[in-house]
Amino acid sequence: METKTKKILFIGFLTVVFWLASMCISSLVDDRSMLSNVTQEEVAESWSKEQTLVGPILCVPVYRGTEQTPYTCMYVLPNEDKVDADVQSEILHRGIFDASVYRAKIAMSGNFDLSDMVLSKPASDNKKELRYDWSHAQLMVAIGDKRGIEEGLKCQLGGQELELSQYFNRYGNVALEPVFGYNCQEPVCRAIDLSQSIGKVVNFDMVANLKGSSALNIAPIGRNSQITVHGNCADPSFVGMTLPSTREVTDEGFTATWKVNSLNRNDVDQVFTSVSERKSFQTVGARLLVPGGQYTQTDRALKYAFLVILLSLMAVYVGDMSVRGEISLFNYMLIGAALVLFYLMLLSFGEWMGFSMAYLLSAVLILGMIMLYFKAIVRNGRTTLAVCLFMALVDVFVYVLLSLEEMALLVGTIGLFVVLGAAMFFSLRVSSDKKELKGTEGAE
């Protein structure tokens, strides 16, 4: 009885020790994940960073009286704005680390409602008339990282074919600044004469080919905006001011559509003036995750390490009792060390072959080693098979939990209930066998 109590206490002590050792591996996972993020940032510096697209917007210089230099600019946002973005993501490799990048073909269409625009009107102070120079307007689009622009930005506005290839024109007033927030670089612009379009609705069509990394964000700036993003990424994360109105995610890719209007956007007016104020336009979009996510999965697996180590050592203890205590405390230590080594192998193999294959290979190698070691000690094939089969079922159970998301808590709770019931049953069997053994010895 004293030996059994010592073994049980020793198993509890070993479980805590090896669980703490697994936490050291968790720290190593964090370090490797940080290196992976650094690799993503380095690739983004060379390829193109996360993209944010805002536009198109009309910019019109505003003069007071006979002044030759504009004192402000009037900005006109689209009345209708429809965006379709085809995002094809790919994985670039640098050493053993992966970086997610993409190419996006973005088609934009809509119109500007200029029906109530004027060429001039009295100033609010009734001293100087305000003149709007529509003949020197600018069509502008802001992009998060202009290094990602491929093949230029081509637009058709009011029947005119344009290519946005200029920077913001301050019209001689150095105080004028574009209105876009700091998440965008200086806008890409093109001068255009719209003096003949006052009082009309002007249609536009624009195509942009962009490179980017991690995420694509698009600002719904129209009075009525519809933004559709689709691509080949099987595990996107939708971000921004609101979730998509409709979305579909499959193993082949995703499609998401947002419908936003000026009332629920609630950021800027459709027509406003600005000298140097920067405005942060609200955006919607998709974040493209790296397939596999082996570091996240490994970290989740380590959260179950205490349970796996405890159940595995208890299975060894039950097998030990069935062969009348032939396993020494030192044997328990080596088996526990093998269980911790599983997580280190999972991390190492996962960097080369993905989490699923790494989990399978690590489990097979560790369970095979434990099975050979256990059999060499107890010399009982049936007991060895039963113990290792139980440990294999624990590994399968944990893998199923890692594969689930919404159902993980429910399935885990039910699984623990079953395991606890099984442990109670086998403890009764062990106690019964011992009583029978004592009764036989007493009769003799």
Protein backbone atom coordinates (compact mmCIF):
# COMPACT_ATOMS: atom_id res chain seq x y z
CA MET A 1 0.00 0.00 0.00
CA GLU A 2 2.81 2.39 0.85
CA THR A 3 4.52 1.73 -2.49
CA LYS A 4 1.31 2.45 -4.41
CA THR A 5 0.75 5.71 -2.55
CA LYS A 6 4.32 6.78 -3.30
CA LYS A 7 3.86 6.00 -6.96
CA ILE A 8 0.61 7.94 -7.16
CA LEU A 9 2.20 10.96 -5.44
CA PHE A 10 5.24 10.63 -7.66
CA ILE A 11 3.03 10.55 -10.77
CA GLY A 12 1.33 13.75 -9.61
CA PHE A 13 4.72 15.36 -9.00
CA LEU A 14 6.02 14.24 -12.42
CA THR A 15 2.89 15.58 -14.13
CA VAL A 16 3.51 19.06 -12.70
CA VAL A 17 7.23 18.95 -13.51
CA PHE A 18 6.73 17.84 -17.10
CA TRP A 19 3.85 20.28 -17.56
CA LEU A 20 6.22 23.09 -16.52
CA ALA A 21 8.74 21.70 -19.01
CA SER A 22 6.07 21.88 -21.72
CA MET A 23 5.55 25.54 -20.81
CA CYS A 24 9.21 26.13 -21.69
CA ILE A 25 8.42 24.70 -25.12
CA SER A 26 5.47 27.11 -25.27
CA SER A 27 7.94 29.95 -24.80
CA LEU A 28 9.96 28.52 -27.68
CA VAL A 29 6.80 28.47 -29.82
CA ASP A 30 6.32 32.18 -29.08
CA ASP A 31 9.90 32.90 -30.17
CA ARG A 32 9.50 30.98 -33.42
CA SER A 33 6.16 32.65 -34.07
CA MET A 34 7.81 36.04 -33.55
CA LEU A 35 10.51 35.11 -36.06
CA SER A 36 7.77 34.12 -38.50
CA ASN A 37 6.10 37.51 -38.04
CA VAL A 38 9.42 39.27 -38.61
CA THR A 39 9.80 37.29 -41.84
CA GLN A 40 6.30 38.39 -42.89
CA GLU A 41 7.26 42.02 -42.27
CA GLU A 42 10.53 41.69 -44.16
CA VAL A 43 8.77 40.14 -47.16
CA ALA A 44 6.13 42.88 -47.00
CA GLU A 45 8.88 45.51 -47.10
CA SER A 46 10.15 44.01 -50.34
CA TRP A 47 6.80 43.05 -51.89
CA SER A 48 4.23 45.55 -50.61
CA LYS A 49 2.59 46.12 -47.25
CA GLU A 50 -1.03 45.80 -46.23
CA GLN A 51 -3.11 47.74 -48.74
CA THR A 52 -5.83 50.29 -48.05
CA LEU A 53 -7.75 51.70 -51.02
CA VAL A 54 -9.75 54.95 -50.73
CA GLY A 55 -11.36 56.52 -53.76
CA PRO A 56 -12.02 57.76 -56.28
CA ILE A 57 -12.64 61.29 -54.98
CA LEU A 58 -12.95 64.62 -56.82
CA CYS A 59 -10.91 67.57 -55.54
CA VAL A 60 -11.88 71.10 -56.67
CA PRO A 61 -9.86 74.24 -55.73
CA VAL A 62 -11.90 77.04 -54.11
CA TYR A 63 -10.93 80.74 -54.49
CA ARG A 64 -12.15 83.84 -52.64
CA GLY A 65 -12.97 86.83 -54.80
CA THR A 66 -10.19 87.70 -57.21
CA GLU A 67 -7.47 85.88 -55.27
CA GLN A 68 -5.16 83.81 -57.50
CA THR A 69 -4.36 81.20 -54.89
CA PRO A 70 -7.05 78.84 -53.53
CA TYR A 71 -7.61 78.99 -49.80
CA THR A 72 -9.24 75.56 -49.55
CA CYS A 73 -10.34 72.54 -51.60
CA MET A 74 -13.79 71.02 -51.95
CA TYR A 75 -13.96 67.22 -52.01
CA VAL A 76 -16.80 65.30 -53.66
CA LEU A 77 -17.38 61.63 -52.84
CA PRO A 78 -19.20 59.27 -55.23
CA ASN A 79 -22.96 59.00 -55.19
CA GLU A 80 -22.88 55.33 -56.22
CA ASP A 81 -19.81 53.21 -55.64
CA LYS A 82 -19.43 49.55 -56.62
CA VAL A 83 -16.17 47.64 -56.06
CA ASP A 84 -15.25 44.12 -57.10
CA ALA A 85 -11.87 42.83 -55.87
CA ASP A 86 -10.39 39.53 -57.02
CA VAL A 87 -7.66 38.66 -54.50
CA GLN A 88 -5.32 35.81 -55.36
CA SER A 89 -3.12 35.01 -52.38
CA GLU A 90 0.11 33.05 -52.48
CA ILE A 91 2.73 31.90 -50.01
CA LEU A 92 6.33 33.03 -50.33
CA HIS A 93 9.02 31.04 -48.52
CA ARG A 94 12.04 32.49 -46.79
CA GLY A 95 13.99 29.68 -45.18
CA ILE A 96 11.56 27.60 -43.13
CA PHE A 97 9.11 30.49 -42.65
CA ASP A 98 6.11 31.45 -44.79
CA ALA A 99 4.77 34.87 -45.74
CA SER A 100 1.30 35.53 -47.11
CA VAL A 101 1.10 37.95 -50.07
CA TYR A 102 -1.47 38.59 -52.76
CA ARG A 103 -2.25 40.17 -56.11
CA ALA A 104 -5.57 41.97 -56.37
CA LYS A 105 -7.44 43.07 -59.47
CA ILE A 106 -9.92 45.73 -58.38
CA ALA A 107 -12.69 47.02 -60.63
CA MET A 108 -14.54 50.14 -59.45
CA SER A 109 -17.59 51.73 -61.03
CA GLY A 110 -20.18 54.30 -60.04
CA ASN A 111 -21.00 57.96 -60.50
CA PHE A 112 -20.58 61.46 -59.10
CA ASP A 113 -23.77 63.46 -58.73
CA LEU A 114 -22.84 67.01 -59.81
CA SER A 115 -26.44 68.11 -60.38
CA ASP A 116 -26.46 70.62 -57.52
CA MET A 117 -22.86 71.87 -57.94
CA VAL A 118 -22.15 75.52 -58.84
CA LEU A 119 -19.31 77.52 -60.37
CA SER A 120 -19.57 80.31 -57.81
CA LYS A 121 -21.64 81.42 -54.81
CA PRO A 122 -21.54 84.12 -52.12
CA ALA A 123 -19.23 83.49 -49.19
CA SER A 124 -20.75 82.96 -45.78
CA ASP A 125 -19.42 86.34 -44.60
CA ASN A 126 -20.97 88.03 -47.68
CA LYS A 127 -17.70 89.84 -48.43
CA LYS A 128 -16.08 87.74 -51.12
CA GLU A 129 -17.56 85.44 -53.67
CA LEU A 130 -16.36 81.84 -53.69
CA ARG A 131 -15.24 80.50 -57.05
CA TYR A 132 -15.01 76.79 -57.78
CA ASP A 133 -12.48 76.01 -60.49
CA TRP A 134 -13.97 72.86 -62.03
CA SER A 135 -11.70 73.20 -65.03
CA HIS A 136 -8.72 72.27 -62.83
CA ALA A 137 -10.29 69.55 -60.72
CA GLN A 138 -8.36 66.45 -59.66
CA LEU A 139 -9.46 62.85 -59.64
CA MET A 140 -7.64 61.14 -56.77
CA VAL A 141 -7.21 57.70 -55.23
CA ALA A 142 -5.28 56.95 -52.03
CA ILE A 143 -3.42 53.65 -51.62
CA GLY A 144 -1.76 52.26 -48.52
CA ASP A 145 1.52 51.37 -50.26
CA LYS A 146 2.10 52.74 -53.76
CA ARG A 147 4.89 50.22 -54.35
CA GLY A 148 2.12 47.70 -54.90
CA ILE A 149 0.66 49.50 -57.93
CA GLU A 150 1.03 47.42 -61.07
CA GLU A 151 0.28 48.67 -64.60
CA GLY A 152 -0.92 52.08 -63.36
CA LEU A 153 -4.45 53.17 -62.43
CA LYS A 154 -6.67 53.56 -65.46
CA CYS A 155 -10.01 55.33 -65.28
CA GLN A 156 -12.83 56.42 -67.55
CA LEU A 157 -14.64 59.47 -66.19
CA GLY A 158 -17.41 61.21 -68.10
CA GLY A 159 -16.24 59.72 -71.39
CA GLN A 160 -12.59 60.72 -70.81
CA GLU A 161 -9.85 58.10 -70.70
CA LEU A 162 -7.42 58.85 -67.87
CA GLU A 163 -4.41 57.29 -66.20
CA LEU A 164 -3.67 58.45 -62.68
CA SER A 165 0.05 59.18 -62.76
CA GLN A 166 0.45 62.46 -60.84
CA TYR A 167 0.74 63.56 -57.25
CA PHE A 168 -1.51 66.00 -55.37
CA ASN A 169 -1.52 69.50 -56.88
CA ARG A 170 -1.54 72.19 -54.20
CA TYR A 171 -2.34 74.92 -56.74
CA GLY A 172 0.42 77.13 -55.40
CA ASN A 173 -0.83 77.05 -51.79
CA VAL A 174 1.67 75.05 -49.74
CA ALA A 175 -0.81 74.90 -46.85
CA LEU A 176 -3.15 72.64 -48.81
CA GLU A 177 -2.88 68.99 -47.85
CA PRO A 178 -4.76 65.93 -49.12
CA VAL A 179 -7.43 64.72 -46.73
CA PHE A 180 -6.45 61.08 -46.51
CA GLY A 181 -5.43 59.64 -43.16
CA TYR A 182 -1.99 58.37 -42.21
CA ASN A 183 -2.89 54.80 -43.17
CA CYS A 184 -2.53 55.93 -46.81
CA GLN A 185 0.36 57.48 -48.67
CA GLU A 186 0.07 60.64 -50.76
CA PRO A 187 -2.76 60.10 -53.25
CA VAL A 188 -2.33 59.29 -56.91
CA CYS A 189 -4.09 61.98 -58.94
CA ARG A 190 -4.95 63.20 -62.43
CA ALA A 191 -6.07 66.70 -63.46
CA ILE A 192 -9.39 66.79 -65.29
CA ASP A 193 -11.67 69.48 -66.72
CA LEU A 194 -15.21 69.02 -65.37
CA SER A 195 -16.53 72.50 -66.14
CA GLN A 196 -18.94 71.05 -68.72
CA SER A 197 -20.22 68.41 -66.31
CA ILE A 198 -21.83 70.73 -63.74
CA GLY A 199 -25.48 69.83 -63.31
CA LYS A 200 -24.97 66.28 -64.57
CA VAL A 201 -24.36 62.81 -63.19
CA VAL A 202 -20.86 61.71 -64.22
CA ASN A 203 -20.12 57.99 -64.47
CA PHE A 204 -16.75 56.45 -63.80
CA ASP A 205 -15.03 53.10 -64.28
CA MET A 206 -11.60 52.32 -62.82
CA VAL A 207 -9.30 49.31 -62.74
CA ALA A 208 -6.43 48.90 -60.28
CA ASN A 209 -3.95 46.04 -60.09
CA LEU A 210 -2.32 45.95 -56.66
CA LYS A 211 0.19 43.84 -54.80
CA GLY A 212 -0.07 43.58 -51.06
CA SER A 213 0.41 41.42 -48.01
CA SER A 214 -1.64 40.26 -45.04
CA ALA A 215 -4.84 42.22 -45.71
CA LEU A 216 -6.80 44.29 -48.22
CA ASN A 217 -8.95 47.16 -46.91
CA ILE A 218 -11.37 49.19 -49.04
CA ALA A 219 -13.21 52.34 -47.98
CA PRO A 220 -16.95 52.41 -48.82
CA ILE A 221 -17.09 56.14 -49.60
CA GLY A 222 -20.20 56.29 -51.79
CA ARG A 223 -23.60 57.48 -50.66
CA ASN A 224 -24.49 53.89 -51.50
CA SER A 225 -21.57 51.45 -51.67
CA GLN A 226 -21.35 47.78 -52.52
CA ILE A 227 -18.00 46.08 -52.05
CA THR A 228 -17.36 42.49 -53.08
CA VAL A 229 -14.09 40.74 -52.26
CA HIS A 230 -13.39 37.19 -53.43
CA GLY A 231 -10.27 35.09 -53.67
CA ASN A 232 -8.59 31.72 -53.25
CA CYS A 233 -7.76 32.01 -49.53
CA ALA A 234 -9.58 29.26 -47.62
CA ASP A 235 -9.36 30.87 -44.18
CA PRO A 236 -9.87 34.65 -44.39
CA SER A 237 -10.74 36.90 -41.47
CA PHE A 238 -13.16 39.74 -42.22
CA VAL A 239 -12.21 43.06 -40.67
CA GLY A 240 -13.29 46.68 -40.65
CA MET A 241 -16.24 48.80 -39.63
CA THR A 242 -18.78 46.02 -40.19
CA LEU A 243 -19.00 42.36 -41.13
CA PRO A 244 -20.07 41.37 -44.66
CA SER A 245 -23.76 41.39 -45.53
CA THR A 246 -23.23 38.02 -47.21
CA ARG A 247 -20.23 35.70 -47.19
CA GLU A 248 -19.30 32.22 -48.30
CA VAL A 249 -16.09 30.43 -47.34
CA THR A 250 -15.10 27.07 -48.82
CA ASP A 251 -11.91 25.06 -49.22
CA GLU A 252 -11.53 26.62 -52.70
CA GLY A 253 -11.85 30.25 -51.59
CA PHE A 254 -14.24 32.90 -50.30
CA THR A 255 -16.69 35.55 -51.44
CA ALA A 256 -17.86 38.42 -49.21
CA THR A 257 -20.10 41.38 -49.99
CA TRP A 258 -20.60 44.54 -47.94
CA LYS A 259 -23.45 47.01 -48.48
CA VAL A 260 -22.81 50.35 -46.81
CA ASN A 261 -24.47 53.75 -47.12
CA SER A 262 -23.58 57.25 -45.93
CA LEU A 263 -25.88 56.93 -42.90
CA ASN A 264 -24.27 53.86 -41.34
CA ARG A 265 -20.79 54.84 -42.50
CA ASN A 266 -20.95 58.00 -40.39
CA ASP A 267 -17.44 59.33 -41.07
CA VAL A 268 -17.45 62.31 -43.51
CA ASP A 269 -20.02 64.18 -45.57
CA GLN A 270 -20.42 63.48 -49.25
CA VAL A 271 -19.26 67.03 -50.05
CA PHE A 272 -16.90 68.87 -47.71
CA THR A 273 -14.04 71.37 -47.70
CA SER A 274 -10.61 71.01 -46.13
CA VAL A 275 -7.27 72.80 -46.03
CA SER A 276 -5.01 70.48 -44.05
CA GLU A 277 -7.29 68.25 -41.97
CA ARG A 278 -6.63 64.54 -42.43
CA LYS A 279 -9.66 62.28 -42.29
CA SER A 280 -9.56 58.59 -41.47
CA PHE A 281 -12.06 56.91 -43.75
CA GLN A 282 -13.67 53.78 -42.35
CA THR A 283 -12.87 50.60 -44.23
CA VAL A 284 -13.98 47.02 -44.71
CA GLY A 285 -11.91 44.13 -45.99
CA ALA A 286 -10.35 40.73 -45.54
CA ARG A 287 -7.25 39.58 -43.72
CA LEU A 288 -5.60 36.64 -45.45
CA LEU A 289 -4.22 34.11 -42.99
CA VAL A 290 -1.20 31.91 -43.62
CA PRO A 291 -2.49 28.36 -44.37
CA GLY A 292 -1.73 25.90 -41.58
CA GLY A 293 -0.88 28.29 -38.79
CA GLN A 294 1.33 25.63 -37.22
CA TYR A 295 2.54 27.88 -34.40
CA THR A 296 -1.00 28.73 -33.30
CA GLN A 297 -2.00 25.06 -33.48
CA THR A 298 1.09 23.94 -31.57
CA ASP A 299 0.42 26.53 -28.88
CA ARG A 300 -3.16 25.25 -28.59
CA ALA A 301 -1.86 21.66 -28.34
CA LEU A 302 0.43 22.70 -25.48
CA LYS A 303 -2.59 23.96 -23.54
CA TYR A 304 -3.71 20.33 -23.30
CA ALA A 305 -0.26 19.11 -22.23
CA PHE A 306 -1.17 18.75 -18.54
CA LEU A 307 -4.18 16.59 -19.39
CA VAL A 308 -2.24 14.43 -21.87
CA ILE A 309 0.70 13.85 -19.50
CA LEU A 310 -1.56 13.05 -16.54
CA LEU A 311 -3.78 10.60 -18.45
CA SER A 312 -0.80 8.92 -20.11
CA LEU A 313 1.06 8.41 -16.82
CA MET A 314 -2.12 7.14 -15.18
CA ALA A 315 -2.50 4.64 -18.03
CA VAL A 316 1.06 3.48 -17.36
CA TYR A 317 0.18 3.20 -13.65
CA VAL A 318 -2.87 1.02 -14.37
CA GLY A 319 -0.71 -1.17 -16.59
CA ASP A 320 1.88 -1.25 -13.83
CA MET A 321 -0.70 -2.48 -11.32
CA SER A 322 -1.84 -5.20 -13.70
CA VAL A 323 1.69 -6.63 -13.73
CA ARG A 324 2.19 -6.18 -9.96
CA GLY A 325 4.42 -3.10 -9.87
CA GLU A 326 7.28 -3.98 -12.15
CA ILE A 327 7.75 -0.37 -13.41
CA SER A 328 10.19 1.70 -11.35
CA LEU A 329 10.01 5.41 -10.64
CA PHE A 330 12.89 6.00 -13.03
CA ASN A 331 10.87 4.31 -15.80
CA TYR A 332 8.03 6.75 -15.13
CA MET A 333 10.46 9.66 -15.49
CA LEU A 334 11.69 8.46 -18.88
CA ILE A 335 8.14 7.91 -20.18
CA GLY A 336 7.17 11.42 -18.98
CA ALA A 337 10.22 12.87 -20.73
CA ALA A 338 9.11 11.15 -23.95
CA LEU A 339 5.68 12.77 -23.62
CA VAL A 340 7.28 16.23 -23.37
CA LEU A 341 9.57 15.45 -26.30
CA PHE A 342 6.42 14.93 -28.39
CA TYR A 343 5.68 18.68 -28.27
CA LEU A 344 9.22 19.63 -29.22
CA MET A 345 9.05 17.26 -32.18
CA LEU A 346 5.63 18.69 -33.09
CA LEU A 347 7.11 22.20 -33.23
CA SER A 348 10.19 21.13 -35.19
CA PHE A 349 8.41 18.97 -37.75
CA GLY A 350 5.58 21.50 -38.09
CA GLU A 351 7.94 24.10 -39.54
CA TRP A 352 8.74 21.75 -42.42
CA MET A 353 5.62 19.74 -43.16
CA GLY A 354 2.64 21.48 -41.58
CA PHE A 355 0.83 20.81 -38.33
CA SER A 356 -1.27 17.77 -39.31
CA MET A 357 1.59 15.70 -40.72
CA ALA A 358 3.87 16.79 -37.88
CA TYR A 359 1.28 15.71 -35.28
CA LEU A 360 0.88 12.29 -36.91
CA LEU A 361 4.61 11.68 -37.28
CA SER A 362 5.45 12.84 -33.74
CA ALA A 363 2.66 10.74 -32.22
CA VAL A 364 3.73 7.61 -34.13
CA LEU A 365 7.40 8.00 -33.16
CA ILE A 366 6.76 8.74 -29.48
CA LEU A 367 4.09 6.08 -29.02
CA GLY A 368 6.26 3.55 -30.83
CA MET A 369 9.19 4.30 -28.56
CA ILE A 370 7.02 4.11 -25.41
CA MET A 371 5.45 0.85 -26.58
CA LEU A 372 8.83 -0.83 -27.15
CA TYR A 373 10.16 0.47 -23.84
CA PHE A 374 7.04 -0.57 -21.88
CA LYS A 375 7.01 -4.04 -23.41
CA ALA A 376 10.71 -4.54 -22.59
CA ILE A 377 9.90 -3.79 -18.95
CA VAL A 378 6.66 -5.72 -18.36
CA ARG A 379 7.13 -8.44 -21.02
CA ASN A 380 3.38 -8.54 -21.52
CA GLY A 381 2.11 -7.79 -25.01
CA ARG A 382 -1.56 -7.51 -24.05
CA THR A 383 -0.94 -4.97 -21.28
CA THR A 384 1.45 -3.01 -23.50
CA LEU A 385 -1.09 -2.84 -26.32
CA ALA A 386 -3.86 -1.70 -23.96
CA VAL A 387 -1.75 1.09 -22.43
CA CYS A 388 -0.45 2.39 -25.76
CA LEU A 389 -3.90 2.17 -27.34
CA PHE A 390 -5.28 4.36 -24.56
CA MET A 391 -2.46 6.88 -25.06
CA ALA A 392 -3.15 6.87 -28.81
CA LEU A 393 -6.82 7.58 -28.14
CA VAL A 394 -5.83 10.53 -25.96
CA ASP A 395 -3.70 11.92 -28.82
CA VAL A 396 -6.57 11.45 -31.29
CA PHE A 397 -8.98 13.12 -28.88
CA VAL A 398 -6.70 16.15 -28.53
CA TYR A 399 -6.26 16.40 -32.30
CA VAL A 400 -10.03 16.39 -32.78
CA LEU A 401 -10.33 19.19 -30.23
CA LEU A 402 -7.68 21.19 -32.09
CA SER A 403 -9.58 20.70 -35.35
CA LEU A 404 -12.81 22.01 -33.87
CA GLU A 405 -13.58 25.65 -33.12
CA GLU A 406 -17.13 26.37 -31.96
CA MET A 407 -17.65 22.80 -30.64
CA ALA A 408 -14.27 22.41 -28.92
CA LEU A 409 -15.52 23.21 -25.39
CA LEU A 410 -18.57 20.93 -25.63
CA VAL A 411 -16.66 18.00 -27.14
CA GLY A 412 -13.82 18.45 -24.64
CA THR A 413 -16.20 18.42 -21.68
CA ILE A 414 -17.96 15.27 -22.91
CA GLY A 415 -14.60 13.62 -23.56
CA LEU A 416 -13.38 14.38 -20.03
CA PHE A 417 -16.60 12.94 -18.63
CA VAL A 418 -16.03 9.69 -20.55
CA VAL A 419 -12.36 9.54 -19.51
CA LEU A 420 -13.21 10.09 -15.85
CA GLY A 421 -15.87 7.37 -16.00
CA ALA A 422 -13.40 4.97 -17.61
CA ALA A 423 -10.80 5.78 -14.93
CA MET A 424 -13.35 5.03 -12.19
CA PHE A 425 -14.26 1.74 -13.83
CA PHE A 426 -10.66 0.57 -14.19
CA SER A 427 -9.82 1.63 -10.63
CA LEU A 428 -12.63 -0.64 -9.41
CA ARG A 429 -11.29 -3.49 -11.54
CA VAL A 430 -7.82 -3.04 -10.07
CA SER A 431 -9.23 -2.96 -6.51
CA SER A 432 -11.32 -6.07 -7.20
CA ASP A 433 -8.34 -7.98 -8.61
CA LYS A 434 -6.30 -7.13 -5.54
CA LYS A 435 -9.01 -8.33 -3.16
CA GLU A 436 -9.27 -11.59 -5.04
CA LEU A 437 -5.50 -11.97 -4.92
CA LYS A 438 -5.45 -11.36 -1.15
CA GLY A 439 -8.32 -13.81 -0.64
CA THR A 440 -6.47 -16.50 -2.57
CA GLU A 441 -3.29 -15.95 -0.55
CA GLY A 442 -5.24 -16.12 2.75
CA ALA A 443 -6.93 -19.40 1.74
CA GLU A 444 -3.59 -20.89 0.97
